[in-house]
N, C-alpha and C. Protein backbone atom coordinates (compact mmCIF):
# COMPACT_ATOMS: atom_id res chain seq x y z
N MET A 1 93.68 103.12 85.74
CA MET A 1 95.07 103.37 85.31
C MET A 1 95.98 103.50 86.50
N ALA A 2 97.11 102.85 86.50
CA ALA A 2 98.06 102.94 87.56
C ALA A 2 98.94 104.19 87.31
N GLU A 3 99.21 104.87 88.38
CA GLU A 3 100.09 106.05 88.31
C GLU A 3 101.24 105.94 89.25
N ILE A 4 102.40 106.21 88.78
CA ILE A 4 103.61 106.21 89.57
C ILE A 4 104.27 107.58 89.52
N PHE A 5 104.51 108.13 90.67
CA PHE A 5 105.06 109.45 90.80
C PHE A 5 106.52 109.36 91.21
N VAL A 6 107.40 110.01 90.43
CA VAL A 6 108.82 110.05 90.73
C VAL A 6 109.24 111.51 90.93
N VAL A 7 109.94 111.80 92.04
CA VAL A 7 110.37 113.12 92.34
C VAL A 7 111.91 113.11 92.51
N PHE A 8 112.50 114.03 91.74
CA PHE A 8 114.01 114.24 91.83
C PHE A 8 114.17 115.50 92.65
N PRO A 9 114.53 115.38 93.92
CA PRO A 9 114.82 116.58 94.78
C PRO A 9 116.05 117.28 94.32
N PRO A 10 116.30 118.51 94.77
CA PRO A 10 117.45 119.26 94.31
C PRO A 10 118.78 118.55 94.64
N ASN A 11 118.94 117.97 95.81
CA ASN A 11 120.24 117.42 96.17
C ASN A 11 120.17 116.12 96.96
N ASP A 12 119.15 115.32 96.69
CA ASP A 12 118.93 114.12 97.46
C ASP A 12 118.52 113.01 96.52
N GLN A 13 118.36 111.77 97.11
CA GLN A 13 117.90 110.63 96.27
C GLN A 13 116.44 110.86 95.85
N PRO A 14 116.10 110.38 94.70
CA PRO A 14 114.71 110.53 94.25
C PRO A 14 113.79 109.60 95.05
N THR A 15 112.55 109.94 94.98
CA THR A 15 111.50 109.16 95.69
C THR A 15 110.50 108.64 94.66
N VAL A 16 109.95 107.47 94.89
CA VAL A 16 108.93 106.84 94.04
C VAL A 16 107.74 106.62 94.92
N SER A 17 106.59 107.13 94.48
CA SER A 17 105.37 107.00 95.33
C SER A 17 104.90 105.59 95.44
N HIS A 18 104.86 104.87 94.38
CA HIS A 18 104.36 103.44 94.34
C HIS A 18 105.45 102.59 93.78
N GLU A 19 106.37 102.20 94.67
CA GLU A 19 107.56 101.44 94.17
C GLU A 19 107.15 100.07 93.65
N ILE A 20 106.09 99.49 94.25
CA ILE A 20 105.56 98.24 93.67
C ILE A 20 104.12 98.51 93.35
N GLU A 21 103.72 98.36 92.12
CA GLU A 21 102.37 98.67 91.62
C GLU A 21 101.83 97.49 90.87
N ARG A 22 100.57 97.09 91.14
CA ARG A 22 99.95 95.98 90.39
C ARG A 22 99.20 96.56 89.23
N VAL A 23 99.44 96.06 88.03
CA VAL A 23 98.81 96.53 86.82
C VAL A 23 98.33 95.33 86.00
N PRO A 24 97.01 95.06 85.95
CA PRO A 24 96.52 93.94 85.15
C PRO A 24 96.72 94.18 83.64
N SER A 25 96.74 93.13 82.88
CA SER A 25 96.95 93.28 81.44
C SER A 25 95.86 94.12 80.84
N GLY A 26 96.19 94.86 79.79
CA GLY A 26 95.25 95.77 79.11
C GLY A 26 95.10 97.11 79.80
N ASN A 27 95.64 97.28 80.98
CA ASN A 27 95.52 98.54 81.67
C ASN A 27 96.69 99.49 81.37
N ARG A 28 96.39 100.73 81.39
CA ARG A 28 97.45 101.74 81.18
C ARG A 28 98.21 102.02 82.43
N ILE A 29 99.44 102.46 82.28
CA ILE A 29 100.27 102.85 83.44
C ILE A 29 101.00 104.13 83.07
N SER A 30 101.07 105.05 83.98
CA SER A 30 101.80 106.28 83.69
C SER A 30 102.80 106.61 84.77
N TRP A 31 103.85 107.27 84.34
CA TRP A 31 104.89 107.76 85.23
C TRP A 31 104.82 109.28 85.15
N ASP A 32 104.69 109.90 86.30
CA ASP A 32 104.64 111.37 86.35
C ASP A 32 105.96 111.79 87.08
N PHE A 33 106.84 112.50 86.37
CA PHE A 33 108.10 112.92 86.87
C PHE A 33 108.09 114.38 87.23
N VAL A 34 108.61 114.71 88.38
CA VAL A 34 108.81 116.07 88.78
C VAL A 34 110.28 116.19 89.20
N SER A 35 111.01 117.16 88.61
CA SER A 35 112.41 117.37 88.92
C SER A 35 112.67 118.74 89.46
N CYS A 36 113.20 118.82 90.66
CA CYS A 36 113.69 120.08 91.25
C CYS A 36 115.18 120.14 91.08
N ASN A 37 115.76 119.10 90.45
CA ASN A 37 117.20 119.07 90.18
C ASN A 37 117.49 119.65 88.81
N PRO A 38 118.20 120.77 88.72
CA PRO A 38 118.44 121.41 87.43
C PRO A 38 119.30 120.59 86.48
N ARG A 39 119.92 119.49 86.97
CA ARG A 39 120.78 118.68 86.15
C ARG A 39 120.00 117.50 85.45
N VAL A 40 118.79 117.25 85.87
CA VAL A 40 117.97 116.23 85.25
C VAL A 40 117.25 116.79 84.06
N HIS A 41 117.73 116.45 82.86
CA HIS A 41 117.03 116.94 81.63
C HIS A 41 116.33 115.88 80.89
N TYR A 42 116.59 114.58 81.19
CA TYR A 42 115.97 113.47 80.56
C TYR A 42 115.62 112.39 81.58
N VAL A 43 114.53 111.72 81.37
CA VAL A 43 114.19 110.52 82.16
C VAL A 43 113.98 109.33 81.24
N ILE A 44 114.35 108.16 81.71
CA ILE A 44 114.25 106.93 80.92
C ILE A 44 113.54 105.89 81.81
N VAL A 45 112.58 105.18 81.20
CA VAL A 45 111.95 104.02 81.85
C VAL A 45 112.28 102.83 80.97
N GLU A 46 112.92 101.79 81.58
CA GLU A 46 113.30 100.63 80.77
C GLU A 46 113.06 99.37 81.61
N PHE A 47 112.26 98.47 80.98
CA PHE A 47 112.01 97.15 81.60
C PHE A 47 113.16 96.21 81.33
N ASP A 48 113.48 95.40 82.31
CA ASP A 48 114.56 94.42 82.17
C ASP A 48 114.21 93.37 81.12
N ASP A 49 112.98 92.96 81.10
CA ASP A 49 112.50 91.91 80.14
C ASP A 49 112.34 92.55 78.75
N PRO A 50 113.05 92.15 77.77
CA PRO A 50 112.90 92.71 76.40
C PRO A 50 111.54 92.48 75.81
N GLU A 51 110.77 91.48 76.33
CA GLU A 51 109.41 91.20 75.88
C GLU A 51 108.37 92.10 76.50
N ALA A 52 108.74 92.87 77.49
CA ALA A 52 107.81 93.79 78.18
C ALA A 52 107.66 95.05 77.31
N LYS A 53 107.11 94.93 76.15
CA LYS A 53 106.99 96.10 75.24
C LYS A 53 105.67 96.87 75.58
N PHE A 54 105.80 97.60 76.65
CA PHE A 54 104.64 98.33 77.15
C PHE A 54 104.58 99.78 76.59
N PHE A 55 105.57 100.16 75.81
CA PHE A 55 105.60 101.56 75.31
C PHE A 55 105.48 101.58 73.80
N ASN A 56 104.92 102.64 73.23
CA ASN A 56 104.88 102.88 71.81
C ASN A 56 105.70 104.10 71.55
N ASP A 57 106.84 103.85 70.83
CA ASP A 57 107.72 104.92 70.50
C ASP A 57 107.66 105.19 69.01
N ASN A 58 106.90 106.15 68.59
CA ASN A 58 106.73 106.43 67.14
C ASN A 58 106.31 105.21 66.34
N GLY A 59 105.33 104.49 66.87
CA GLY A 59 104.80 103.34 66.13
C GLY A 59 105.53 102.04 66.34
N THR A 60 106.60 102.05 67.14
CA THR A 60 107.37 100.82 67.51
C THR A 60 107.13 100.45 68.93
N GLU A 61 106.66 99.22 69.17
CA GLU A 61 106.52 98.72 70.52
C GLU A 61 107.92 98.40 71.12
N THR A 62 108.15 98.89 72.33
CA THR A 62 109.49 98.77 72.96
C THR A 62 109.36 98.65 74.42
N ASN A 63 110.43 98.12 75.08
CA ASN A 63 110.42 97.99 76.49
C ASN A 63 111.16 99.16 77.19
N ARG A 64 111.51 100.18 76.35
CA ARG A 64 112.26 101.34 76.84
C ARG A 64 111.79 102.58 76.17
N ILE A 65 111.72 103.67 76.92
CA ILE A 65 111.32 104.96 76.38
C ILE A 65 111.99 106.06 77.21
N TRP A 66 112.29 107.17 76.55
CA TRP A 66 112.84 108.31 77.26
C TRP A 66 112.02 109.58 76.92
N LYS A 67 112.05 110.49 77.80
CA LYS A 67 111.35 111.78 77.64
C LYS A 67 112.24 112.90 78.11
N GLN A 68 112.07 114.01 77.50
CA GLN A 68 112.78 115.21 77.94
C GLN A 68 112.01 115.88 79.02
N VAL A 69 112.75 116.34 80.06
CA VAL A 69 112.13 117.02 81.18
C VAL A 69 112.01 118.49 80.72
N LYS A 70 110.80 118.98 80.75
CA LYS A 70 110.55 120.40 80.38
C LYS A 70 109.89 121.11 81.55
N HIS A 71 110.47 122.21 81.93
CA HIS A 71 109.95 123.00 83.06
C HIS A 71 109.78 122.16 84.29
N GLY A 72 110.72 121.18 84.49
CA GLY A 72 110.74 120.35 85.69
C GLY A 72 109.75 119.22 85.65
N LYS A 73 109.12 118.90 84.50
CA LYS A 73 108.10 117.87 84.43
C LYS A 73 108.31 116.99 83.20
N ALA A 74 107.93 115.73 83.32
CA ALA A 74 107.88 114.85 82.20
C ALA A 74 106.85 113.73 82.51
N PHE A 75 106.21 113.20 81.45
CA PHE A 75 105.23 112.18 81.61
C PHE A 75 105.55 111.00 80.61
N VAL A 76 105.42 109.77 81.13
CA VAL A 76 105.55 108.59 80.32
C VAL A 76 104.26 107.74 80.46
N HIS A 77 103.76 107.32 79.34
CA HIS A 77 102.54 106.47 79.39
C HIS A 77 102.86 105.13 78.71
N GLY A 78 102.30 104.07 79.26
CA GLY A 78 102.49 102.74 78.69
C GLY A 78 101.22 101.94 78.88
N GLU A 79 101.21 100.70 78.33
CA GLU A 79 100.03 99.83 78.54
C GLU A 79 100.61 98.41 78.64
N VAL A 80 100.09 97.70 79.66
CA VAL A 80 100.54 96.30 79.88
C VAL A 80 99.80 95.43 78.81
N ARG A 81 100.61 94.85 77.91
CA ARG A 81 100.04 94.06 76.85
C ARG A 81 100.99 92.85 76.61
N TYR A 82 100.42 91.84 76.03
CA TYR A 82 101.13 90.58 75.82
C TYR A 82 101.23 90.19 74.34
N ASN A 83 101.03 91.20 73.46
CA ASN A 83 101.22 91.03 72.01
C ASN A 83 100.57 89.79 71.48
N GLY A 84 99.27 89.66 71.74
CA GLY A 84 98.49 88.55 71.17
C GLY A 84 98.53 87.29 72.00
N LYS A 85 99.43 87.24 72.97
CA LYS A 85 99.48 86.07 73.85
C LYS A 85 98.46 86.19 74.98
N LYS A 86 98.02 85.09 75.57
CA LYS A 86 97.14 85.15 76.76
C LYS A 86 97.97 85.66 77.96
N PRO A 87 97.41 86.56 78.72
CA PRO A 87 98.10 87.05 79.90
C PRO A 87 98.32 85.91 80.90
N PRO A 88 99.42 85.92 81.61
CA PRO A 88 99.65 84.90 82.59
C PRO A 88 98.60 84.86 83.70
N LYS A 89 98.33 83.69 84.20
CA LYS A 89 97.32 83.59 85.30
C LYS A 89 97.97 83.69 86.66
N VAL A 90 99.28 83.88 86.66
CA VAL A 90 100.02 84.10 87.94
C VAL A 90 100.64 85.49 87.84
N PRO A 91 100.90 86.15 88.98
CA PRO A 91 101.54 87.44 88.95
C PRO A 91 102.93 87.35 88.33
N VAL A 92 103.31 88.36 87.53
CA VAL A 92 104.63 88.44 86.93
C VAL A 92 105.35 89.68 87.50
N TRP A 93 106.52 89.47 87.99
CA TRP A 93 107.37 90.53 88.57
C TRP A 93 107.99 91.28 87.46
N GLY A 94 107.59 92.53 87.25
CA GLY A 94 108.11 93.37 86.13
C GLY A 94 109.13 94.34 86.58
N LYS A 95 110.40 93.92 86.65
CA LYS A 95 111.50 94.80 87.09
C LYS A 95 111.83 95.84 85.97
N TYR A 96 112.00 97.06 86.40
CA TYR A 96 112.32 98.10 85.48
C TYR A 96 113.25 99.11 86.10
N ASN A 97 113.93 99.93 85.32
CA ASN A 97 114.82 101.01 85.86
C ASN A 97 114.25 102.36 85.42
N VAL A 98 114.47 103.28 86.31
CA VAL A 98 114.16 104.72 86.05
C VAL A 98 115.47 105.45 86.18
N ILE A 99 115.84 106.19 85.16
CA ILE A 99 117.10 106.96 85.11
C ILE A 99 116.82 108.42 84.91
N GLY A 100 117.40 109.27 85.66
CA GLY A 100 117.37 110.68 85.43
C GLY A 100 118.78 111.13 85.02
N CYS A 101 118.89 111.79 83.89
CA CYS A 101 120.28 112.08 83.37
C CYS A 101 120.31 113.49 82.77
N GLU A 102 121.55 113.93 82.59
CA GLU A 102 121.76 115.26 81.99
C GLU A 102 121.51 115.33 80.49
N ARG A 103 121.94 114.25 79.80
CA ARG A 103 121.87 114.24 78.34
C ARG A 103 121.78 112.80 77.83
N LEU A 104 121.43 112.67 76.58
CA LEU A 104 121.44 111.38 75.91
C LEU A 104 122.50 111.44 74.80
N VAL A 105 123.28 110.39 74.68
CA VAL A 105 124.25 110.29 73.64
C VAL A 105 123.98 108.94 72.92
N ASN A 106 123.64 108.99 71.63
CA ASN A 106 123.19 107.79 70.92
C ASN A 106 122.11 107.06 71.65
N ASP A 107 121.13 107.79 72.18
CA ASP A 107 119.99 107.21 72.85
C ASP A 107 120.30 106.58 74.18
N GLN A 108 121.50 106.79 74.75
CA GLN A 108 121.95 106.24 76.00
C GLN A 108 122.17 107.36 76.98
N PRO A 109 121.89 107.08 78.32
CA PRO A 109 122.08 108.13 79.29
C PRO A 109 123.55 108.52 79.44
N ASP A 110 123.78 109.79 79.62
CA ASP A 110 125.14 110.30 79.82
C ASP A 110 125.08 111.28 80.99
N GLY A 111 125.97 111.23 81.88
CA GLY A 111 125.89 112.03 83.02
C GLY A 111 124.74 111.60 83.94
N ALA A 112 124.53 110.31 84.08
CA ALA A 112 123.38 109.83 84.85
C ALA A 112 123.54 110.35 86.31
N ILE A 113 122.45 110.79 86.81
CA ILE A 113 122.47 111.42 88.14
C ILE A 113 121.82 110.43 89.12
N TYR A 114 120.69 109.87 88.73
CA TYR A 114 119.92 108.97 89.60
C TYR A 114 119.49 107.76 88.86
N GLU A 115 119.48 106.63 89.55
CA GLU A 115 118.96 105.40 88.93
C GLU A 115 118.20 104.63 89.99
N LEU A 116 116.94 104.33 89.68
CA LEU A 116 116.09 103.62 90.57
C LEU A 116 115.69 102.32 89.95
N ASP A 117 115.29 101.28 90.74
CA ASP A 117 114.86 100.02 90.16
C ASP A 117 113.56 99.50 90.79
N PRO A 118 112.44 100.19 90.59
CA PRO A 118 111.21 99.73 91.16
C PRO A 118 110.61 98.55 90.39
N VAL A 119 109.36 98.17 90.69
CA VAL A 119 108.72 96.97 90.15
C VAL A 119 107.26 97.20 89.90
N ILE A 120 106.77 96.55 88.80
CA ILE A 120 105.26 96.45 88.66
C ILE A 120 104.96 94.98 88.62
N VAL A 121 103.78 94.61 89.05
CA VAL A 121 103.33 93.23 88.99
C VAL A 121 102.22 93.15 87.99
N THR A 122 102.45 92.31 86.94
CA THR A 122 101.43 92.20 85.82
C THR A 122 100.85 90.81 85.86
N GLY A 123 100.06 90.50 84.87
CA GLY A 123 99.34 89.22 84.79
C GLY A 123 97.94 89.35 85.25
N ASP A 124 97.17 88.29 85.09
CA ASP A 124 95.73 88.33 85.45
C ASP A 124 95.45 87.18 86.43
N PRO A 125 96.03 87.23 87.63
CA PRO A 125 95.73 86.15 88.55
C PRO A 125 94.29 86.17 88.92
N GLY A 126 93.71 85.04 89.08
CA GLY A 126 92.27 85.03 89.41
C GLY A 126 91.76 83.74 89.82
């Protein structure tokens, strides 16, 4: 399982431990958030590709998920899957955004504090 660590410092830009991570199809990926910034109450992970439905949100596969930060921590879990299609044999650049925000309004970030745009590489090259 691939693990990506994101830290929101009190007054500085956030850091991402593995900004580019390779994750073969069928493997799980997790984001471990730690916030020392008292204004970060929610985190959002959203893939640019609407077909990158790596998250399960109450039974619905989606390319976007949010979690509430509790006691300075939040966890997001996903799985690289291709919904019945064969995984690509070449690496696929999976661009996504991480947002830390104060609140959500109609499921959208409000008072966004930080926004990052790291990458995962998926597919089954071989």
